[in-house]
Amino acid sequence: MHHPLLASLLASVAALCLTPAGAVAEPESALLSASELGDILDADLSVQQWELTSPNGPSETTPPACRAMSNATTTLVYGASWNSYEGASYADGEGSDYRTVVGQIVGVFPTQKAASEVFAALAKGLRSCGSKTSVEHRSSGNLTWRNAVDEITEGGASWHSILNNKPSWRCSLNARLSDKVMVEASVCRFVDPASPAKAAKLADQVGAIARALAERAS
């Protein structure tokens, strides 16, 4: 008996399996989807803020000791030795109407040594800034941040920054080194400054994002 629907499905599958001569498959992204990020953060991240295929140039930051902390995902840290670089950011609201913003970066390097050198440069910059207050100079206005390094290990680092004139706006960040890959995750959201437990939860969530990125990229 002839089944038109089955025949059509088989034809579609066969067509998908054919690869034109000379065609190159696009590499699968190591980034997490908005849905995956939203599940970790318990947020509806329906708005994409930006997407990157190369690092931006650094912003002006004072004091100079805090430049790397403020520019952890830029050319100041990543240089030009990477093989691939991708990043994306999502928020739970349009424009400035949001309560959560998440960013993710995956940098792949030609060798483990090259990746280690980039991570070492970031770690050195984080230690240099430590708990200093920094000012990020933007055309739209300066932002003053109160910074702190939470932990630096051989293969990872976590730190946070709190907006000086809005202490409930907290950014938690995490970087991880995995063979030839360095990943970074950041989440900024409104957190009660009088609740260490909520701050710790945010840091744990950002760490979970960084671990997931490292596992997918490796």
Protein backbone atom coordinates (compact mmCIF):
# COMPACT_ATOMS: atom_id res chain seq x y z
CA MET A 1 0.00 0.00 0.00
CA HIS A 2 1.32 3.45 -0.87
CA HIS A 3 1.56 5.93 2.02
CA PRO A 4 1.91 9.46 0.58
CA LEU A 5 2.75 11.02 3.95
CA LEU A 6 5.46 8.45 4.74
CA ALA A 7 6.94 8.82 1.27
CA SER A 8 7.02 12.57 1.67
CA LEU A 9 8.74 12.34 5.05
CA LEU A 10 11.38 9.93 3.74
CA ALA A 11 12.05 12.22 0.79
CA SER A 12 12.48 15.17 3.14
CA VAL A 13 14.94 13.24 5.32
CA ALA A 14 16.92 12.17 2.28
CA ALA A 15 17.10 15.75 1.05
CA LEU A 16 18.40 16.92 4.43
CA CYS A 17 21.13 14.29 4.35
CA LEU A 18 22.49 15.50 1.02
CA THR A 19 25.35 17.96 1.34
CA PRO A 20 26.19 19.97 -1.79
CA ALA A 21 29.75 19.55 -3.04
CA GLY A 22 32.05 22.05 -1.41
CA ALA A 23 29.55 23.04 1.29
CA VAL A 24 30.97 23.57 4.77
CA ALA A 25 28.75 22.99 7.80
CA GLU A 26 28.49 25.93 10.17
CA PRO A 27 30.13 25.16 13.54
CA GLU A 28 27.65 24.68 16.35
CA SER A 29 27.59 27.55 18.82
CA ALA A 30 28.92 26.86 22.31
CA LEU A 31 26.70 29.58 23.76
CA LEU A 32 23.66 28.81 25.86
CA SER A 33 20.24 29.72 24.52
CA ALA A 34 18.06 32.35 26.16
CA SER A 35 15.83 29.53 27.37
CA GLU A 36 18.72 27.63 28.97
CA LEU A 37 19.97 30.77 30.67
CA GLY A 38 16.46 31.61 31.82
CA ASP A 39 16.08 28.18 33.42
CA ILE A 40 19.24 28.73 35.48
CA LEU A 41 18.24 32.25 36.52
CA ASP A 42 14.47 31.71 36.77
CA ALA A 43 13.93 34.63 34.40
CA ASP A 44 12.18 35.22 31.07
CA LEU A 45 15.09 36.45 28.95
CA SER A 46 13.07 37.42 25.90
CA VAL A 47 15.21 40.33 24.67
CA GLN A 48 18.60 39.88 23.00
CA GLN A 49 20.80 42.88 23.78
CA TRP A 50 23.89 42.12 21.73
CA GLU A 51 25.81 39.45 19.84
CA LEU A 52 29.57 39.38 19.22
CA THR A 53 31.98 37.48 16.98
CA SER A 54 35.06 39.42 18.11
CA PRO A 55 35.95 41.30 21.30
CA ASN A 56 35.18 44.98 21.61
CA GLY A 57 37.87 47.52 22.35
CA PRO A 58 38.25 48.47 26.02
CA SER A 59 36.38 51.31 27.67
CA GLU A 60 38.20 54.01 29.60
CA THR A 61 38.39 53.09 33.26
CA THR A 62 40.07 54.70 36.25
CA PRO A 63 42.11 53.86 38.18
CA PRO A 64 44.27 52.02 35.61
CA ALA A 65 44.60 49.12 38.08
CA CYS A 66 40.93 48.28 37.43
CA ARG A 67 41.00 48.36 33.62
CA ALA A 68 41.10 44.56 33.23
CA MET A 69 38.26 44.04 35.71
CA SER A 70 36.06 46.51 33.80
CA ASN A 71 37.16 45.17 30.41
CA ALA A 72 37.33 41.43 31.07
CA THR A 73 35.72 40.49 27.74
CA THR A 74 37.53 43.01 25.51
CA THR A 75 40.71 43.13 23.44
CA LEU A 76 42.53 44.37 26.55
CA VAL A 77 42.35 40.80 27.91
CA TYR A 78 41.70 38.63 24.84
CA GLY A 79 44.13 40.33 22.47
CA ALA A 80 44.06 38.87 18.96
CA SER A 81 45.37 35.34 19.51
CA TRP A 82 41.98 33.62 19.64
CA ASN A 83 40.75 31.20 16.96
CA SER A 84 37.11 31.99 17.61
CA TYR A 85 35.22 34.33 19.89
CA GLU A 86 31.47 34.52 20.39
CA GLY A 87 29.22 36.19 22.86
CA ALA A 88 25.61 37.15 23.46
CA SER A 89 23.57 39.03 26.02
CA TYR A 90 19.90 38.73 26.99
CA ALA A 91 17.60 40.72 29.25
CA ASP A 92 14.13 40.30 30.70
CA GLY A 93 12.87 43.64 29.38
CA GLU A 94 13.19 46.17 26.56
CA GLY A 95 15.36 49.28 26.75
CA SER A 96 16.06 50.10 30.38
CA ASP A 97 12.95 48.27 31.58
CA TYR A 98 14.69 45.15 32.90
CA ARG A 99 15.62 43.53 36.18
CA THR A 100 18.09 40.93 34.90
CA VAL A 101 20.80 41.10 32.23
CA VAL A 102 23.02 38.13 31.39
CA GLY A 103 26.14 37.99 29.22
CA GLN A 104 28.23 35.06 28.02
CA ILE A 105 31.55 34.81 26.17
CA VAL A 106 33.41 31.80 24.73
CA GLY A 107 36.96 32.27 23.46
CA VAL A 108 38.77 29.37 21.76
CA PHE A 109 42.55 29.58 21.37
CA PRO A 110 45.04 27.68 19.19
CA THR A 111 46.80 26.12 22.19
CA GLN A 112 46.22 25.49 25.86
CA LYS A 113 49.21 27.74 26.57
CA ALA A 114 47.60 30.66 24.71
CA ALA A 115 44.35 30.24 26.64
CA SER A 116 46.26 30.00 29.93
CA GLU A 117 48.12 33.22 29.20
CA VAL A 118 44.87 35.08 28.59
CA PHE A 119 43.35 33.73 31.80
CA ALA A 120 46.54 34.65 33.70
CA ALA A 121 46.29 38.21 32.36
CA LEU A 122 42.70 38.44 33.57
CA ALA A 123 43.58 37.02 37.00
CA LYS A 124 46.46 39.51 37.33
CA GLY A 125 44.10 42.37 36.44
CA LEU A 126 41.52 41.21 38.98
CA ARG A 127 44.12 41.05 41.74
CA SER A 128 45.38 44.49 40.71
CA CYS A 129 41.95 46.03 41.24
CA GLY A 130 40.90 43.94 44.23
CA SER A 131 38.36 45.90 46.25
CA LYS A 132 39.10 49.30 44.73
CA THR A 133 36.28 51.55 43.56
CA SER A 134 36.46 52.18 39.81
CA VAL A 135 34.90 54.64 37.39
CA GLU A 136 33.86 53.54 33.91
CA HIS A 137 33.86 56.58 31.64
CA ARG A 138 31.05 56.44 29.05
CA SER A 139 29.67 58.98 26.61
CA SER A 140 26.29 58.54 28.29
CA GLY A 141 27.77 59.28 31.72
CA ASN A 142 30.24 57.84 34.19
CA LEU A 143 29.47 54.71 36.19
CA THR A 144 31.10 54.23 39.58
CA TRP A 145 31.48 50.63 40.76
CA ARG A 146 32.40 49.12 44.12
CA ASN A 147 34.37 45.98 43.26
CA ALA A 148 35.47 42.83 45.04
CA VAL A 149 37.26 39.65 44.01
CA ASP A 150 35.51 36.60 45.46
CA GLU A 151 37.94 33.86 44.42
CA ILE A 152 40.80 33.15 42.02
CA THR A 153 42.04 29.60 41.43
CA GLU A 154 44.28 27.95 38.85
CA GLY A 155 41.36 27.50 36.48
CA GLY A 156 38.68 29.95 37.53
CA ALA A 157 37.84 33.35 38.93
CA SER A 158 34.76 35.01 40.36
CA TRP A 159 34.19 38.64 41.24
CA HIS A 160 31.39 41.17 41.60
CA SER A 161 30.70 44.86 41.18
CA ILE A 162 27.96 46.99 42.75
CA LEU A 163 26.78 50.25 41.23
CA ASN A 164 27.76 52.95 43.70
CA ASN A 165 24.63 55.13 43.48
CA LYS A 166 22.30 52.13 43.17
CA PRO A 167 23.55 49.48 45.63
CA SER A 168 20.78 47.04 44.76
CA TRP A 169 22.19 46.69 41.19
CA ARG A 170 24.74 43.91 41.51
CA CYS A 171 26.84 42.31 38.77
CA SER A 172 28.31 38.88 39.47
CA LEU A 173 30.94 37.49 37.09
CA ASN A 174 32.74 34.19 36.59
CA ALA A 175 35.56 33.12 34.26
CA ARG A 176 36.78 29.58 33.66
CA LEU A 177 39.73 28.05 31.84
CA SER A 178 39.25 24.65 30.18
CA ASP A 179 42.06 23.38 27.96
CA LYS A 180 42.12 25.74 24.93
CA VAL A 181 38.95 27.57 25.97
CA MET A 182 38.19 30.49 28.26
CA VAL A 183 34.57 31.27 29.06
CA GLU A 184 33.01 34.14 30.96
CA ALA A 185 29.53 34.59 32.39
CA SER A 186 28.02 37.70 33.92
CA VAL A 187 24.65 38.48 35.43
CA CYS A 188 23.50 41.88 36.62
CA ARG A 189 20.24 42.08 38.52
CA PHE A 190 18.55 43.82 41.40
CA VAL A 191 19.57 42.12 44.65
CA ASP A 192 18.74 43.27 48.17
CA PRO A 193 22.09 44.67 49.43
CA ALA A 194 21.16 43.57 52.95
CA SER A 195 20.82 39.91 51.90
CA PRO A 196 24.12 37.99 51.68
CA ALA A 197 22.14 34.84 50.90
CA LYS A 198 20.67 36.37 47.73
CA ALA A 199 24.10 37.64 46.67
CA ALA A 200 25.54 34.15 47.20
CA LYS A 201 22.69 32.62 45.19
CA LEU A 202 23.43 34.96 42.29
CA ALA A 203 27.12 34.01 42.39
CA ASP A 204 26.16 30.32 42.36
CA GLN A 205 23.88 30.85 39.35
CA VAL A 206 26.62 32.66 37.44
CA GLY A 207 29.02 29.85 38.29
CA ALA A 208 26.51 27.34 36.91
CA ILE A 209 26.34 29.27 33.63
CA ALA A 210 30.15 29.34 33.37
CA ARG A 211 30.39 25.60 34.05
CA ALA A 212 27.78 24.86 31.39
CA LEU A 213 29.63 27.02 28.86
CA ALA A 214 32.96 25.32 29.63
CA GLU A 215 31.43 21.85 29.29
CA ARG A 216 29.79 22.68 25.98
CA ALA A 217 32.84 24.41 24.52
CA SER A 218 35.37 21.73 25.50
